[in-house]
N, C-alpha and C. Protein backbone atom coordinates (compact mmCIF):
# COMPACT_ATOMS: atom_id res chain seq x y z
N MET A 1 0.38 -1.09 0.13
CA MET A 1 -0.11 0.06 -0.26
C MET A 1 1.19 1.22 0.24
N VAL A 2 0.60 1.93 -0.41
CA VAL A 2 1.53 3.05 -0.39
C VAL A 2 1.00 4.42 -0.48
N THR A 3 2.04 4.74 0.97
CA THR A 3 1.63 5.94 1.92
C THR A 3 1.45 7.34 1.56
N GLY A 4 2.15 7.61 0.61
CA GLY A 4 2.51 9.02 0.24
C GLY A 4 3.87 9.40 0.97
N ARG A 5 4.53 8.31 1.91
CA ARG A 5 5.85 8.50 2.98
C ARG A 5 6.84 7.87 2.05
N SER A 6 7.88 8.63 2.48
CA SER A 6 8.85 7.65 1.99
C SER A 6 10.03 7.70 3.33
N TYR A 7 10.72 6.38 3.98
CA TYR A 7 11.23 6.06 4.84
C TYR A 7 12.83 5.71 4.49
N GLY A 8 12.62 5.84 3.02
CA GLY A 8 14.45 5.27 2.30
C GLY A 8 14.75 6.66 1.87
N GLY A 9 16.42 6.35 1.45
CA GLY A 9 17.55 7.43 1.66
C GLY A 9 16.60 8.21 0.34
N PHE A 10 17.39 8.93 0.31
CA PHE A 10 17.54 9.91 -1.40
C PHE A 10 18.13 10.41 -1.70
N GLY A 11 18.94 8.59 -2.18
CA GLY A 11 19.96 8.87 -3.48
C GLY A 11 20.20 10.14 -4.14
N ALA A 12 18.98 10.57 -4.95
CA ALA A 12 19.96 11.31 -6.02
C ALA A 12 20.18 12.83 -5.25
N VAL A 13 19.95 12.75 -3.71
CA VAL A 13 20.63 14.12 -3.28
C VAL A 13 21.85 14.44 -3.32
N GLY A 14 22.72 13.24 -3.64
CA GLY A 14 23.91 13.39 -3.62
C GLY A 14 24.90 13.33 -4.61
N HIS A 15 23.34 13.92 -6.01
CA HIS A 15 24.19 14.65 -7.02
C HIS A 15 24.01 16.38 -6.49
N ALA A 16 23.37 16.68 -5.92
CA ALA A 16 22.61 18.00 -5.62
C ALA A 16 23.92 19.10 -5.33
N GLY A 17 24.94 18.78 -5.04
CA GLY A 17 26.51 19.72 -4.78
C GLY A 17 25.80 20.20 -3.63
N PRO A 18 26.68 21.62 -3.39
CA PRO A 18 26.26 22.49 -2.20
C PRO A 18 24.64 22.13 -1.73
N LEU A 19 23.91 22.15 -3.01
CA LEU A 19 22.21 22.47 -2.34
C LEU A 19 21.58 20.67 -1.04
N GLY A 20 23.13 19.78 -1.59
CA GLY A 20 22.47 18.54 -0.91
C GLY A 20 22.13 18.68 1.04
N PRO A 21 23.30 18.93 1.54
CA PRO A 21 22.25 19.54 2.73
C PRO A 21 21.47 20.06 3.40
N LEU A 22 20.63 20.92 1.76
CA LEU A 22 19.51 21.56 2.08
C LEU A 22 18.24 20.90 1.78
N ILE A 23 18.51 20.15 0.41
CA ILE A 23 16.83 19.01 0.33
C ILE A 23 17.10 18.28 1.24
N ARG A 24 18.18 17.68 1.86
CA ARG A 24 17.53 16.58 2.50
C ARG A 24 17.32 16.93 4.10
N ARG A 25 17.09 18.58 4.19
CA ARG A 25 16.73 18.74 5.62
C ARG A 25 15.27 19.04 5.06
N LEU A 26 14.83 19.10 3.60
CA LEU A 26 13.37 19.96 2.99
C LEU A 26 12.76 18.46 3.57
N LEU A 27 13.58 17.68 2.95
CA LEU A 27 12.87 16.28 2.87
C LEU A 27 12.13 15.47 4.15
N LEU A 28 12.44 15.77 5.21
CA LEU A 28 12.46 15.31 6.05
C LEU A 28 10.93 14.55 6.66
N PRO A 29 10.81 14.13 7.72
CA PRO A 29 9.63 13.78 7.32
C PRO A 29 8.99 14.17 8.18
N ASP A 30 9.47 15.18 9.28
CA ASP A 30 9.11 15.79 10.74
C ASP A 30 8.91 17.17 10.39
N PRO A 31 8.04 17.27 10.21
CA PRO A 31 8.01 19.72 9.47
C PRO A 31 9.05 20.47 10.40
N GLY A 32 8.52 19.87 11.51
CA GLY A 32 9.46 20.47 12.75
C GLY A 32 10.87 21.00 12.48
N GLU A 33 11.77 19.60 12.04
CA GLU A 33 12.59 19.39 11.75
C GLU A 33 13.31 20.43 10.43
N ARG A 34 12.41 20.59 9.85
CA ARG A 34 12.71 21.28 8.47
C ARG A 34 12.59 22.28 8.35
N PRO A 35 13.69 22.92 7.54
CA PRO A 35 13.99 24.71 7.91
C PRO A 35 12.96 25.43 6.73
N GLY A 36 12.94 26.80 7.61
CA GLY A 36 11.92 27.93 7.52
C GLY A 36 11.83 28.28 5.64
N ALA A 37 10.92 28.66 5.22
CA ALA A 37 11.63 29.44 4.18
C ALA A 37 12.55 30.65 4.78
N ALA A 38 12.26 31.35 4.98
CA ALA A 38 13.44 32.31 5.10
C ALA A 38 14.85 31.06 5.67
N GLU A 39 14.96 30.11 6.23
CA GLU A 39 16.59 30.06 6.50
C GLU A 39 16.80 29.45 4.75
N ALA A 40 15.43 29.01 4.16
CA ALA A 40 15.85 28.24 2.60
C ALA A 40 16.17 29.03 1.50
N ALA A 41 15.54 30.63 2.18
CA ALA A 41 16.06 31.21 0.92
C ALA A 41 17.07 31.70 0.83
N ALA A 42 17.97 32.35 2.56
CA ALA A 42 19.25 32.14 2.99
C ALA A 42 20.38 31.10 2.13
N VAL A 43 19.83 30.33 2.63
CA VAL A 43 21.13 29.18 2.05
C VAL A 43 21.07 29.21 0.46
N LEU A 44 20.39 29.15 0.12
CA LEU A 44 19.62 29.27 -1.44
C LEU A 44 20.41 30.17 -2.13
N ALA A 45 20.84 32.07 -1.91
CA ALA A 45 21.14 32.92 -2.06
C ALA A 45 22.64 32.78 -1.47
N ALA A 46 23.48 32.16 -0.50
CA ALA A 46 24.26 32.33 -0.58
C ALA A 46 24.91 31.22 -0.93
N VAL A 47 24.34 29.62 -1.75
CA VAL A 47 24.46 29.17 -2.64
C VAL A 47 25.05 29.84 -3.67
N ALA A 48 23.95 30.56 -4.47
CA ALA A 48 23.88 31.29 -5.62
C ALA A 48 25.26 32.14 -5.43
N GLY A 49 25.59 32.71 -4.33
CA GLY A 49 26.82 34.11 -4.00
C GLY A 49 26.08 35.29 -4.63
N GLU A 50 24.91 35.49 -3.68
CA GLU A 50 23.94 36.60 -3.69
C GLU A 50 23.88 37.12 -2.60
N ARG A 51 23.32 37.89 -2.48
CA ARG A 51 23.15 38.34 -0.34
C ARG A 51 21.40 38.08 -0.97
N PRO A 52 20.60 37.91 0.30
CA PRO A 52 19.42 37.59 0.62
C PRO A 52 18.82 39.62 0.05
N ALA A 53 17.68 39.41 -0.93
CA ALA A 53 17.23 40.27 -1.39
C ALA A 53 16.48 41.35 0.01
N ALA A 54 16.06 42.41 0.51
CA ALA A 54 15.59 43.08 0.88
C ALA A 54 14.22 42.93 0.99
N PRO A 55 13.24 43.05 2.08
CA PRO A 55 11.97 43.11 1.92
C PRO A 55 11.69 44.88 0.88
N GLU A 56 10.45 44.17 0.58
CA GLU A 56 9.79 45.63 -0.76
C GLU A 56 9.48 46.49 0.50
N ALA A 57 9.24 47.06 0.31
CA ALA A 57 8.91 48.49 1.40
C ALA A 57 7.36 48.51 0.46
N ARG A 58 6.74 48.56 0.97
CA ARG A 58 5.32 49.21 1.19
C ARG A 58 5.38 50.85 0.98
N SER A 59 4.30 51.15 0.30
CA SER A 59 4.00 52.53 0.30
C SER A 59 2.56 53.11 0.71
N ALA A 60 2.39 53.74 0.94
CA ALA A 60 0.79 54.00 1.79
C ALA A 60 0.20 54.65 0.59
N VAL A 61 -1.37 54.06 0.50
CA VAL A 61 -1.71 54.54 -0.93
C VAL A 61 -2.72 55.47 -0.28
N VAL A 62 -3.23 56.57 -1.10
CA VAL A 62 -3.76 58.07 -0.84
C VAL A 62 -4.70 57.80 -1.42
N LEU A 63 -5.89 57.76 -1.18
CA LEU A 63 -7.38 58.35 -1.78
C LEU A 63 -7.86 59.37 -1.54
């Protein structure tokens, strides 16, 4: 029976280079152990050699 869960290893992650550790953590069965969106974005930016983008400034709309 297929339950939608994988308890095996993730062999293809071994070919992910510097993204491997992040991908492994994103695939952890326990959501509490996975990185959040901000942490994942920071890791991706670091791997890409970029600085994380600053949050967009929101301007007030005057009617």
